[in-house]
C-alpha atoms as a PDB file:
ATOM      1  CA  MET A   1       8.064  19.636  20.480  1.00  0.00           C
ATOM      2  CA  ARG A   2       7.490  18.794  16.820  1.00  0.00           C
ATOM      3  CA  ASN A   3       8.596  21.149  14.098  1.00  0.00           C
ATOM      4  CA  GLN A   4       6.023  22.744  11.837  1.00  0.00           C
ATOM      5  CA  PRO A   5       5.633  20.794   8.593  1.00  0.00           C
ATOM      6  CA  SER A   6       7.147  22.341   5.496  1.00  0.00           C
ATOM      7  CA  ALA A   7       4.595  24.417   3.619  1.00  0.00           C
ATOM      8  CA  SER A   8       6.044  23.367   0.262  1.00  0.00           C
ATOM      9  CA  ILE A   9       5.779  19.643   1.088  1.00  0.00           C
ATOM     10  CA  GLU A  10       2.259  20.107   2.474  1.00  0.00           C
ATOM     11  CA  ASN A  11       1.223  21.952  -0.711  1.00  0.00           C
ATOM     12  CA  LEU A  12       2.626  19.174  -2.887  1.00  0.00           C
ATOM     13  CA  LEU A  13       0.850  16.481  -0.875  1.00  0.00           C
ATOM     14  CA  ALA A  14      -2.393  18.474  -1.009  1.00  0.00           C
ATOM     15  CA  LYS A  15      -2.394  17.996  -4.795  1.00  0.00           C
ATOM     16  CA  GLY A  16      -3.339  14.358  -4.224  1.00  0.00           C
ATOM     17  CA  ASP A  17      -2.794  12.212  -7.310  1.00  0.00           C
ATOM     18  CA  GLU A  18      -1.105  15.095  -9.124  1.00  0.00           C
ATOM     19  CA  CYS A  19       1.796  14.978  -6.656  1.00  0.00           C
ATOM     20  CA  THR A  20       4.647  12.905  -8.057  1.00  0.00           C
ATOM     21  CA  VAL A  21       7.690  11.338  -6.475  1.00  0.00           C
ATOM     22  CA  ASP A  22       9.833  13.627  -8.631  1.00  0.00           C
ATOM     23  CA  ASP A  23       8.041  16.699  -7.261  1.00  0.00           C
ATOM     24  CA  LEU A  24       8.770  15.611  -3.714  1.00  0.00           C
ATOM     25  CA  LEU A  25      12.393  14.686  -4.416  1.00  0.00           C
ATOM     26  CA  ALA A  26      12.944  18.074  -6.040  1.00  0.00           C
ATOM     27  CA  ASP A  27      11.782  19.849  -2.885  1.00  0.00           C
ATOM     28  CA  GLU A  28      14.672  20.845  -0.654  1.00  0.00           C
ATOM     29  CA  ASP A  29      12.692  20.028   2.509  1.00  0.00           C
ATOM     30  CA  ILE A  30      12.085  16.343   1.734  1.00  0.00           C
ATOM     31  CA  ILE A  31      14.921  14.960   3.850  1.00  0.00           C
ATOM     32  CA  GLN A  32      14.086  17.112   6.867  1.00  0.00           C
ATOM     33  CA  GLU A  33      10.394  16.253   6.604  1.00  0.00           C
ATOM     34  CA  MET A  34      11.160  12.540   6.505  1.00  0.00           C
ATOM     35  CA  ARG A  35      13.501  12.980   9.459  1.00  0.00           C
ATOM     36  CA  ASN A  36      10.649  14.755  11.305  1.00  0.00           C
ATOM     37  CA  MET A  37       8.391  11.813  10.372  1.00  0.00           C
ATOM     38  CA  ASN A  38       5.760  13.892   8.581  1.00  0.00           C
ATOM     39  CA  GLU A  39       2.745  11.542   8.712  1.00  0.00           C
ATOM     40  CA  LYS A  40       1.261  12.650   5.389  1.00  0.00           C
ATOM     41  CA  LEU A  41       4.597  12.198   3.686  1.00  0.00           C
ATOM     42  CA  LEU A  42       5.132   8.753   5.200  1.00  0.00           C
ATOM     43  CA  LYS A  43       1.638   7.693   4.098  1.00  0.00           C
ATOM     44  CA  TYR A  44       2.330   8.946   0.583  1.00  0.00           C
ATOM     45  CA  PHE A  45       5.214   6.526   0.185  1.00  0.00           C
ATOM     46  CA  ARG A  46       3.236   3.342  -0.324  1.00  0.00           C
ATOM     47  CA  ARG A  47       4.839   0.262  -1.798  1.00  0.00           C
ATOM     48  CA  ASP A  48       4.436   1.468  -5.414  1.00  0.00           C
ATOM     49  CA  LYS A  49       6.122   4.790  -4.579  1.00  0.00           C
ATOM     50  CA  LEU A  50       8.940   3.013  -2.747  1.00  0.00           C
ATOM     51  CA  LYS A  51       9.576   0.970  -5.874  1.00  0.00           C
ATOM     52  CA  ILE A  52      10.122   4.215  -7.775  1.00  0.00           C
ATOM     53  CA  LEU A  53      12.611   5.324  -5.123  1.00  0.00           C
ATOM     54  CA  ILE A  54      14.476   2.033  -5.387  1.00  0.00           C
ATOM     55  CA  ASP A  55      14.587   2.383  -9.169  1.00  0.00           C
ATOM     56  CA  TYR A  56      16.322   5.747  -8.736  1.00  0.00           C
ATOM     57  CA  ILE A  57      19.207   4.140  -6.908  1.00  0.00           C
ATOM     58  CA  THR A  58      19.418   0.838  -8.781  1.00  0.00           C
ATOM     59  CA  LYS A  59      18.746   1.610 -12.454  1.00  0.00           C
ATOM     60  CA  VAL A  60      20.773   3.640 -14.888  1.00  0.00           C
ATOM     61  CA  PRO A  61      18.550   6.478 -16.130  1.00  0.00           C
ATOM     62  CA  GLU A  62      17.554   6.600 -19.791  1.00  0.00           C
ATOM     63  CA  GLU A  63      17.994  10.380 -19.715  1.00  0.00           C
ATOM     64  CA  ASP A  64      20.985  11.723 -17.862  1.00  0.00           C
ATOM     65  CA  THR A  65      19.412  14.922 -16.609  1.00  0.00           C
ATOM     66  CA  HIS A  66      20.892  16.489 -13.507  1.00  0.00           C
ATOM     67  CA  ASP A  67      17.886  15.581 -11.347  1.00  0.00           C
ATOM     68  CA  ARG A  68      17.414  12.013 -12.573  1.00  0.00           C
ATOM     69  CA  GLY A  69      21.047  11.110 -12.943  1.00  0.00           C
ATOM     70  CA  HIS A  70      22.548  12.866  -9.945  1.00  0.00           C
ATOM     71  CA  LYS A  71      20.301  14.713  -7.498  1.00  0.00           C
ATOM     72  CA  PHE A  72      17.445  12.222  -7.028  1.00  0.00           C
ATOM     73  CA  PRO A  73      19.626   9.125  -6.456  1.00  0.00           C
ATOM     74  CA  PHE A  74      21.553  10.981  -3.741  1.00  0.00           C
ATOM     75  CA  VAL A  75      18.351  12.276  -2.115  1.00  0.00           C
ATOM     76  CA  VAL A  76      16.831   8.780  -2.159  1.00  0.00           C
ATOM     77  CA  GLY A  77      20.004   7.322  -0.668  1.00  0.00           C
ATOM     78  CA  GLU A  78      19.788   9.886   2.107  1.00  0.00           C
ATOM     79  CA  LEU A  79      16.108   9.059   2.706  1.00  0.00           C
ATOM     80  CA  PHE A  80      16.852   5.346   3.039  1.00  0.00           C
ATOM     81  CA  SER A  81      19.799   6.041   5.298  1.00  0.00           C
ATOM     82  CA  LEU A  82      17.391   7.623   7.792  1.00  0.00           C
ATOM     83  CA  ASP A  83      16.330   4.015   8.511  1.00  0.00           C
ATOM     84  CA  LEU A  84      12.734   4.913   9.368  1.00  0.00           C
ATOM     85  CA  ASN A  85      10.774   1.936  10.650  1.00  0.00           C
ATOM     86  CA  LYS A  86       7.548   3.177   9.065  1.00  0.00           C
ATOM     87  CA  ILE A  87       9.195   3.070   5.651  1.00  0.00           C
ATOM     88  CA  ASN A  88      11.124  -0.138   6.252  1.00  0.00           C
ATOM     89  CA  ASP A  89       7.981  -1.921   7.437  1.00  0.00           C
ATOM     90  CA  LYS A  90       6.226  -1.111   4.165  1.00  0.00           C
ATOM     91  CA  PHE A  91       8.700  -3.321   2.343  1.00  0.00           C
ATOM     92  CA  PHE A  92       7.504  -6.327   4.317  1.00  0.00           C
ATOM     93  CA  ASN A  93       4.141  -5.685   5.966  1.00  0.00           C
ATOM     94  CA  GLU A  94       2.104  -4.208   3.145  1.00  0.00           C
ATOM     95  CA  GLU A  95       2.351  -7.410   1.113  1.00  0.00           C
ATOM     96  CA  GLU A  96       1.209  -9.379   4.155  1.00  0.00           C
ATOM     97  CA  ASP A  97      -1.760  -7.003   4.498  1.00  0.00           C
ATOM     98  CA  GLU A  98      -2.717  -7.679   0.877  1.00  0.00           C
ATOM     99  CA  VAL A  99      -2.477 -11.430   1.450  1.00  0.00           C
ATOM    100  CA  GLU A 100      -4.622 -11.163   4.584  1.00  0.00           C
ATOM    101  CA  GLU A 101      -7.246  -9.177   2.647  1.00  0.00           C
ATOM    102  CA  GLU A 102      -7.307 -11.787  -0.117  1.00  0.00           C
ATOM    103  CA  GLU A 103      -7.626 -14.579   2.449  1.00  0.00           C
ATOM    104  CA  ALA A 104     -10.478 -12.742   4.178  1.00  0.00           C
ATOM    105  CA  GLU A 105     -12.260 -12.316   0.834  1.00  0.00           C
ATOM    106  CA  ALA A 106     -11.721 -15.988  -0.018  1.00  0.00           C
ATOM    107  CA  GLU A 107     -12.907 -16.983   3.433  1.00  0.00           C
ATOM    108  CA  GLY A 108     -16.014 -14.837   3.000  1.00  0.00           C
ATOM    109  CA  SER A 109     -16.829 -16.506  -0.316  1.00  0.00           C
ATOM    110  CA  GLN A 110     -16.112 -19.899   1.272  1.00  0.00           C
ATOM    111  CA  ASP A 111     -18.568 -19.091   4.056  1.00  0.00           C
ATOM    112  CA  PHE A 112     -21.138 -18.160   1.424  1.00  0.00           C
ATOM    113  CA  ASP A 113     -20.514 -21.431  -0.443  1.00  0.00           C
ATOM    114  CA  ASP A 114     -20.844 -23.391   2.816  1.00  0.00           C
ATOM    115  CA  GLU A 115     -24.147 -21.667   3.625  1.00  0.00           C
ATOM    116  CA  GLU A 116     -25.429 -22.358   0.119  1.00  0.00           C
ATOM    117  CA  LYS A 117     -24.533 -26.066   0.389  1.00  0.00           C
ATOM    118  CA  LYS A 118     -26.124 -26.237   3.837  1.00  0.00           C
ATOM    119  CA  SER A 119     -29.409 -24.739   2.616  1.00  0.00           C
ATOM    120  CA  GLU A 120     -29.381 -27.115  -0.399  1.00  0.00           C
ATOM    121  CA  GLU A 121     -28.878 -30.072   1.949  1.00  0.00           C
ATOM    122  CA  GLU A 122     -31.686 -28.850   4.202  1.00  0.00           C
ATOM    123  CA  GLY A 123     -33.935 -28.491   1.147  1.00  0.00           C
ATOM    124  CA  GLU A 124     -33.120 -32.050   0.078  1.00  0.00           C
ATOM    125  CA  ALA A 125     -33.772 -33.329   3.593  1.00  0.00           C
ATOM    126  CA  GLU A 126     -37.159 -31.571   3.637  1.00  0.00           C
ATOM    127  CA  GLY A 127     -37.924 -33.105   0.242  1.00  0.00           C
ATOM    128  CA  ASP A 128     -37.076 -36.563   1.608  1.00  0.00           C
ATOM    129  CA  VAL A 129     -39.398 -36.028   4.580  1.00  0.00           C
ATOM    130  CA  GLU A 130     -42.205 -34.875   2.260  1.00  0.00           C
ATOM    131  CA  ALA A 131     -41.692 -37.854  -0.086  1.00  0.00           C
ATOM    132  CA  GLU A 132     -41.719 -40.204   2.896  1.00  0.00           C
ATOM    133  CA  ALA A 133     -44.932 -38.668   4.191  1.00  0.00           C
ATOM    134  CA  GLU A 134     -46.586 -39.024   0.770  1.00  0.00           C
ATOM    135  CA  GLY A 135     -45.531 -42.680   0.579  1.00  0.00           C
ATOM    136  CA  GLU A 136     -47.315 -43.545   3.823  1.00  0.00           C
END
């Protein structure tokens, strides 16, 4: 049986674009919610958000506030130590998804170019037939 999602995390995520990584890291339920694999929370942490998390544990903060310099790096370390496949996969698979989308778009434009060339060739062939008929 799954636990009920944290009301505070759900309220933060309901804010949409106004919800920040800092807001989530400041919430005391973040680790438990990640452990419970809260779907909304996992979806929130796209590649750009994961980069922010990595920055918390790899870069020295410009301001040494308690949250930025101490609390958040430890919380992020704990989140990564959960070793969640859905988060780990985003490091590798999301880029592949973007590449596949770009290839599909390029392929679609290639198909359009091929169709355009084909219709031009057909038009030229029709013109040749007409010119041949006029010459007779």
